[in-house]
Amino acid sequence: MTQHFLLSAASRTLSLRSIYKAGEEAAYKVFCEMRWPETDGEAVCPRCSNHETYNITTRRKFKCKACAHQFSVTSGTIFASRKMDFVDLLAAICIMVNASKGVSMVQLSRDLDCQYKTAFVLAHKLREAMAQEVQTGEVLEGHVEIDGAYFGGHIRQENAKADRKDRRLKEHQNGRRRVVVALRERHGRTLPFVRMTEAEGVALANDNVSRMSTMSADEASHWDLLHNGFEVERVNHSEIYSDHGKHTNMVESYFSRLRRMVVGQHHHVSPQYLHQYANHAAWLEDNRRTDNGTLAQVVVSNAMGAPVSRQWKGYWQRAA
């Protein structure tokens, strides 16, 4: 039997031990190289794009020789105004990419020896960086599977059996129930959206899937409208999961990861942030065959290329 990729040595090219053994200066160099890859880590002024700068070593800042603008390696990025050491930021990224089904913020705060709020905000900033690879705006092509999965919205169940309610009914929900509609290319990208009903996935497919693509969906009646614009394969899950190649197993694999992330690690996810976790799970699913060292480099590169977060500022959520 073939060994699973995550069990192989090829999947382990980075460790927390190697990060802390290399030290703060090595971590700082990694961030510089990811911020300015075209100059091998040499600073470039973000204001006037001048390559000639002074290095203010005492404050880890740079000063542009042309416009006298002072900046740091994280200025204008998602890590702007950071206070954590670079070695701790790199360790946090390593922990996030190593956790194939997510990591709880209590555990992350203990690993980094920081406040829960600090870990919470940092993780969401990293999810924003990951989402740059997920929500690219490019349409999906080839064979695309579509499905939806509901999260949250249940009320607490009564103690006595006689008083218990059927929590599947709408009147027994608290209005916070959301559905993650996912479009997934077979052996390709995953594109999730958070909506109120699964039927809204038809409009999402029309906007995000090439008309030359074929699609797979289950027996739910609202997917009947997909036949108006696509060649659609349907599978009746009440009878069979896979019917001679007709299935939605790839998108169900994504939902399996997201469900285990929410239930097993976070236990509760607010509808306000569900899209962040959906993008995180999609990024992990799409990169499940990539070694953790490469994944960490990708996240650092995305974070260095991402603008200052408009939702997450400092060490807690920015006020609306």
Protein backbone atom coordinates (compact mmCIF):
# COMPACT_ATOMS: atom_id res chain seq x y z
CA MET A 1 0.00 0.00 0.00
CA THR A 2 1.31 3.45 -0.96
CA GLN A 3 2.30 5.64 1.98
CA HIS A 4 0.21 8.77 2.55
CA PHE A 5 2.06 11.98 1.66
CA LEU A 6 1.66 13.47 5.16
CA LEU A 7 3.39 10.39 6.62
CA SER A 8 6.41 10.73 4.35
CA ALA A 9 9.65 12.60 5.06
CA ALA A 10 9.03 14.71 1.94
CA SER A 11 6.19 16.51 3.70
CA ARG A 12 8.45 17.68 6.55
CA THR A 13 10.90 20.34 5.39
CA LEU A 14 10.39 22.83 8.24
CA SER A 15 10.10 22.50 12.01
CA LEU A 16 9.67 24.76 15.00
CA ARG A 17 13.02 23.55 16.29
CA SER A 18 14.80 24.73 13.14
CA ILE A 19 13.05 28.11 13.26
CA TYR A 20 14.05 28.88 16.84
CA LYS A 21 17.50 27.38 16.39
CA ALA A 22 18.17 29.72 13.45
CA GLY A 23 17.12 32.69 15.56
CA GLU A 24 15.61 36.14 15.13
CA GLU A 25 18.02 37.45 12.48
CA ALA A 26 17.41 34.48 10.19
CA ALA A 27 13.64 34.90 10.53
CA TYR A 28 13.96 38.63 9.79
CA LYS A 29 15.95 37.81 6.66
CA VAL A 30 13.18 35.47 5.48
CA PHE A 31 10.61 38.25 5.76
CA CYS A 32 12.89 40.65 3.86
CA GLU A 33 13.42 38.14 1.07
CA MET A 34 9.70 37.49 0.77
CA ARG A 35 8.92 41.24 0.81
CA TRP A 36 11.49 42.14 -1.85
CA PRO A 37 12.21 38.95 -3.82
CA GLU A 38 13.30 40.89 -6.92
CA THR A 39 16.27 42.38 -5.01
CA ASP A 40 17.06 39.32 -2.86
CA GLY A 41 15.85 41.06 0.29
CA GLU A 42 17.38 44.48 -0.32
CA ALA A 43 14.89 47.18 0.70
CA VAL A 44 12.84 49.05 -1.90
CA CYS A 45 10.99 52.23 -0.93
CA PRO A 46 7.23 51.54 -0.99
CA ARG A 47 6.50 55.21 -1.69
CA CYS A 48 8.76 56.03 -4.66
CA SER A 49 10.14 52.54 -5.55
CA ASN A 50 13.72 53.72 -5.12
CA HIS A 51 16.26 50.93 -4.54
CA GLU A 52 18.77 53.09 -2.67
CA THR A 53 18.08 53.20 1.06
CA TYR A 54 19.83 53.75 4.37
CA ASN A 55 19.68 50.88 6.84
CA ILE A 56 18.72 52.06 10.35
CA THR A 57 19.94 48.97 12.19
CA THR A 58 19.05 50.15 15.70
CA ARG A 59 15.33 50.17 14.85
CA ARG A 60 15.24 47.67 11.96
CA LYS A 61 14.03 50.40 9.64
CA PHE A 62 15.06 51.83 6.29
CA LYS A 63 15.23 55.40 5.00
CA CYS A 64 14.86 56.17 1.32
CA LYS A 65 17.70 58.24 -0.13
CA ALA A 66 15.37 59.85 -2.65
CA CYS A 67 12.26 60.85 -0.67
CA ALA A 68 13.53 60.37 2.93
CA HIS A 69 10.58 58.10 3.71
CA GLN A 70 11.18 55.75 6.65
CA PHE A 71 9.70 52.28 6.52
CA SER A 72 10.16 48.74 7.82
CA VAL A 73 9.86 45.34 6.19
CA THR A 74 6.25 45.06 7.38
CA SER A 75 5.15 48.62 6.51
CA GLY A 76 2.01 48.59 4.38
CA THR A 77 1.55 44.83 4.77
CA ILE A 78 -0.82 42.70 6.79
CA PHE A 79 1.79 42.66 9.60
CA ALA A 80 2.00 46.46 9.83
CA SER A 81 2.47 47.76 13.39
CA ARG A 82 3.43 44.28 14.58
CA LYS A 83 5.03 43.89 18.00
CA MET A 84 5.87 40.20 17.99
CA ASP A 85 9.37 39.07 17.10
CA PHE A 86 9.86 37.79 13.57
CA VAL A 87 10.86 34.38 14.86
CA ASP A 88 7.50 34.13 16.66
CA LEU A 89 5.61 35.24 13.55
CA LEU A 90 7.40 32.58 11.52
CA ALA A 91 6.67 29.99 14.21
CA ALA A 92 2.98 30.93 14.14
CA ILE A 93 2.93 30.44 10.37
CA CYS A 94 4.64 27.06 10.77
CA ILE A 95 2.02 25.98 13.32
CA MET A 96 -0.83 27.12 11.06
CA VAL A 97 0.40 25.28 7.97
CA ASN A 98 1.27 22.15 9.97
CA ALA A 99 -2.28 21.88 11.35
CA SER A 100 -4.04 20.10 8.48
CA LYS A 101 -7.44 20.64 10.11
CA GLY A 102 -6.78 23.95 11.82
CA VAL A 103 -5.54 24.81 15.28
CA SER A 104 -7.46 26.31 18.18
CA MET A 105 -6.55 29.80 19.32
CA VAL A 106 -6.10 28.66 22.91
CA GLN A 107 -3.48 26.18 21.72
CA LEU A 108 -1.79 28.78 19.48
CA SER A 109 -1.67 31.32 22.32
CA ARG A 110 -0.05 28.72 24.58
CA ASP A 111 2.47 27.70 21.94
CA LEU A 112 3.49 31.33 21.33
CA ASP A 113 3.09 32.41 24.97
CA CYS A 114 0.84 35.32 24.05
CA GLN A 115 -2.67 36.55 24.80
CA TYR A 116 -5.65 34.72 23.29
CA LYS A 117 -6.66 37.93 21.50
CA THR A 118 -3.20 38.22 19.96
CA ALA A 119 -3.36 34.67 18.61
CA PHE A 120 -6.92 35.18 17.37
CA VAL A 121 -6.09 38.33 15.39
CA LEU A 122 -2.81 36.92 14.06
CA ALA A 123 -4.53 33.77 12.81
CA HIS A 124 -7.21 35.77 11.02
CA LYS A 125 -4.56 37.92 9.37
CA LEU A 126 -2.89 34.76 8.11
CA ARG A 127 -6.23 33.52 6.81
CA GLU A 128 -6.60 36.76 4.88
CA ALA A 129 -3.20 36.07 3.31
CA MET A 130 -4.25 32.51 2.43
CA ALA A 131 -7.49 33.77 0.89
CA GLN A 132 -5.47 35.61 -1.76
CA GLU A 133 -4.80 32.23 -3.38
CA VAL A 134 -8.38 31.03 -2.94
CA GLN A 135 -10.46 34.06 -3.97
CA THR A 136 -8.48 34.96 -7.10
CA GLY A 137 -11.43 36.03 -9.27
CA GLU A 138 -10.53 33.45 -11.93
CA VAL A 139 -13.32 31.20 -13.21
CA LEU A 140 -13.13 27.46 -12.61
CA GLU A 141 -12.66 25.16 -15.59
CA GLY A 142 -12.78 21.49 -16.47
CA HIS A 143 -15.06 19.31 -14.39
CA VAL A 144 -16.49 21.22 -11.41
CA GLU A 145 -18.39 19.76 -8.46
CA ILE A 146 -20.84 21.83 -6.44
CA ASP A 147 -22.47 21.24 -3.07
CA GLY A 148 -23.35 22.99 0.18
CA ALA A 149 -22.96 22.30 3.89
CA TYR A 150 -24.75 24.06 6.75
CA PHE A 151 -22.99 25.31 9.87
CA GLY A 152 -24.32 26.65 13.17
CA GLY A 153 -27.77 27.95 14.01
CA HIS A 154 -28.86 25.22 16.40
CA ILE A 155 -30.44 26.05 19.74
CA ARG A 156 -29.31 24.33 22.92
CA GLN A 157 -31.20 21.08 23.41
CA GLU A 158 -33.52 20.60 26.39
CA ASN A 159 -32.49 18.35 29.26
CA ALA A 160 -35.67 16.23 29.39
CA LYS A 161 -36.39 14.08 26.34
CA ALA A 162 -40.06 15.06 26.39
CA ASP A 163 -39.12 18.74 25.96
CA ARG A 164 -36.62 18.27 23.15
CA LYS A 165 -37.27 19.83 19.75
CA ASP A 166 -36.40 18.88 16.19
CA ARG A 167 -33.49 21.24 15.62
CA ARG A 168 -33.63 20.67 11.85
CA LEU A 169 -36.78 22.78 11.66
CA LYS A 170 -36.42 26.50 10.96
CA GLU A 171 -38.52 27.57 13.95
CA HIS A 172 -36.07 25.74 16.21
CA GLN A 173 -33.02 27.65 14.97
CA ASN A 174 -31.60 30.95 16.14
CA GLY A 175 -31.16 32.67 12.76
CA ARG A 176 -27.39 32.27 12.72
CA ARG A 177 -27.37 29.22 10.46
CA ARG A 178 -25.27 29.64 7.29
CA VAL A 179 -24.39 27.44 4.35
CA VAL A 180 -20.97 27.15 2.77
CA VAL A 181 -21.44 26.61 -0.96
CA ALA A 182 -18.28 25.16 -2.49
CA LEU A 183 -17.26 24.84 -6.12
CA ARG A 184 -14.34 22.51 -6.70
CA GLU A 185 -12.44 21.54 -9.79
CA ARG A 186 -11.53 17.89 -9.89
CA HIS A 187 -7.80 17.85 -9.11
CA GLY A 188 -7.85 21.65 -9.00
CA ARG A 189 -8.98 24.69 -7.03
CA THR A 190 -11.66 24.97 -4.35
CA LEU A 191 -13.83 28.09 -4.23
CA PRO A 192 -16.10 28.50 -1.15
CA PHE A 193 -18.81 31.09 -0.44
CA VAL A 194 -20.95 31.71 2.63
CA ARG A 195 -24.65 32.20 1.90
CA MET A 196 -28.02 31.90 3.61
CA THR A 197 -29.37 29.06 1.42
CA GLU A 198 -27.81 26.37 -0.74
CA ALA A 199 -29.98 27.39 -3.70
CA GLU A 200 -27.89 30.55 -4.07
CA GLY A 201 -25.14 28.31 -5.38
CA VAL A 202 -26.75 28.32 -8.85
CA ALA A 203 -25.99 32.03 -9.29
CA LEU A 204 -22.47 31.46 -7.91
CA ALA A 205 -21.88 28.73 -10.49
CA ASN A 206 -23.06 31.02 -13.31
CA ASP A 207 -20.60 33.70 -12.20
CA ASN A 208 -17.57 31.57 -11.33
CA VAL A 209 -17.59 28.53 -13.64
CA SER A 210 -16.65 28.53 -17.32
CA ARG A 211 -19.54 27.72 -19.68
CA MET A 212 -17.31 25.11 -21.31
CA SER A 213 -17.11 23.17 -18.03
CA THR A 214 -19.11 20.16 -16.98
CA MET A 215 -20.55 19.99 -13.48
CA SER A 216 -21.52 17.40 -10.90
CA ALA A 217 -24.25 17.90 -8.31
CA ASP A 218 -26.44 15.84 -6.01
CA GLU A 219 -30.18 15.22 -6.27
CA ALA A 220 -31.31 18.47 -4.58
CA SER A 221 -34.03 20.09 -6.72
CA HIS A 222 -32.47 23.58 -6.76
CA TRP A 223 -29.56 22.21 -8.80
CA ASP A 224 -32.00 21.55 -11.65
CA LEU A 225 -31.40 25.12 -12.83
CA LEU A 226 -27.76 24.25 -13.55
CA HIS A 227 -28.91 22.32 -16.61
CA ASN A 228 -29.85 25.63 -18.27
CA GLY A 229 -26.21 26.63 -18.68
CA PHE A 230 -24.03 23.56 -18.10
CA GLU A 231 -23.72 19.90 -18.88
CA VAL A 232 -24.49 18.44 -15.45
CA GLU A 233 -24.01 14.97 -14.01
CA ARG A 234 -26.32 14.16 -11.09
CA VAL A 235 -25.95 11.53 -8.40
CA ASN A 236 -28.70 10.53 -5.97
CA HIS A 237 -27.03 10.20 -2.58
CA SER A 238 -30.07 8.46 -1.09
CA GLU A 239 -29.26 5.53 -3.38
CA ILE A 240 -25.55 5.70 -4.20
CA TYR A 241 -22.50 7.89 -3.53
CA SER A 242 -20.61 7.20 -6.75
CA ASP A 243 -22.25 5.96 -9.92
CA HIS A 244 -19.64 4.97 -12.53
CA GLY A 245 -17.67 8.19 -12.16
CA LYS A 246 -20.63 10.41 -11.33
CA HIS A 247 -19.99 11.76 -7.84
CA THR A 248 -19.31 14.83 -5.71
CA ASN A 249 -16.61 13.18 -3.61
CA MET A 250 -14.02 15.91 -4.18
CA VAL A 251 -16.19 18.70 -2.80
CA GLU A 252 -17.36 16.39 0.00
CA SER A 253 -13.68 15.90 0.90
CA TYR A 254 -13.39 19.65 1.36
CA PHE A 255 -16.48 19.73 3.58
CA SER A 256 -15.05 16.88 5.63
CA ARG A 257 -11.96 18.95 6.37
CA LEU A 258 -13.97 22.10 7.14
CA ARG A 259 -16.39 20.19 9.38
CA ARG A 260 -13.56 18.66 11.38
CA MET A 261 -11.90 22.06 11.62
CA VAL A 262 -15.03 23.67 13.07
CA VAL A 263 -16.20 20.81 15.28
CA GLY A 264 -12.86 19.35 16.33
CA GLN A 265 -10.74 22.47 16.79
CA HIS A 266 -12.78 25.65 17.06
CA HIS A 267 -16.03 24.09 18.41
CA HIS A 268 -17.95 27.25 17.48
CA VAL A 269 -17.55 29.64 14.55
CA SER A 270 -19.47 32.90 14.28
CA PRO A 271 -21.29 33.51 10.95
CA GLN A 272 -19.33 36.76 10.80
CA TYR A 273 -16.06 34.86 10.42
CA LEU A 274 -17.21 31.65 8.73
CA HIS A 275 -15.89 32.80 5.35
CA GLN A 276 -12.39 33.07 6.86
CA TYR A 277 -12.43 29.47 8.05
CA ALA A 278 -13.94 28.31 4.74
CA ASN A 279 -11.08 29.94 2.81
CA HIS A 280 -8.55 28.48 5.27
CA ALA A 281 -9.90 24.96 4.74
CA ALA A 282 -9.94 25.47 0.96
CA TRP A 283 -6.28 26.58 1.02
CA LEU A 284 -5.29 23.54 3.08
CA GLU A 285 -7.25 21.21 0.81
CA ASP A 286 -5.73 22.63 -2.38
CA ASN A 287 -2.19 22.40 -0.94
CA ARG A 288 -2.49 19.06 0.78
CA ARG A 289 0.33 17.56 -1.34
CA THR A 290 2.81 20.37 -0.66
CA ASP A 291 5.55 20.17 1.97
CA ASN A 292 5.23 22.40 5.02
CA GLY A 293 8.37 24.42 4.28
CA THR A 294 7.01 25.53 0.92
CA LEU A 295 3.62 26.26 2.48
CA ALA A 296 5.23 28.51 5.10
CA GLN A 297 7.13 30.41 2.40
CA VAL A 298 3.92 30.87 0.43
CA VAL A 299 2.07 32.28 3.46
CA VAL A 300 4.93 34.67 4.29
CA SER A 301 5.05 35.81 0.66
CA ASN A 302 1.27 36.33 0.56
CA ALA A 303 1.37 38.24 3.87
CA MET A 304 4.17 40.49 2.62
CA GLY A 305 2.19 41.19 -0.53
CA ALA A 306 -1.14 41.76 1.22
CA PRO A 307 -2.23 45.30 2.14
CA VAL A 308 -2.92 46.43 5.69
CA SER A 309 -5.98 44.59 6.96
CA ARG A 310 -9.07 46.77 7.06
CA GLN A 311 -10.84 44.43 9.50
CA TRP A 312 -8.06 43.33 11.83
CA LYS A 313 -5.94 46.03 13.39
CA GLY A 314 -3.45 45.85 16.23
CA TYR A 315 -4.29 43.08 18.63
CA TRP A 316 -8.04 42.92 18.30
CA GLN A 317 -10.77 43.44 15.75
CA ARG A 318 -11.04 46.93 14.33
CA ALA A 319 -14.27 48.76 15.21
CA ALA A 320 -16.64 49.03 12.25
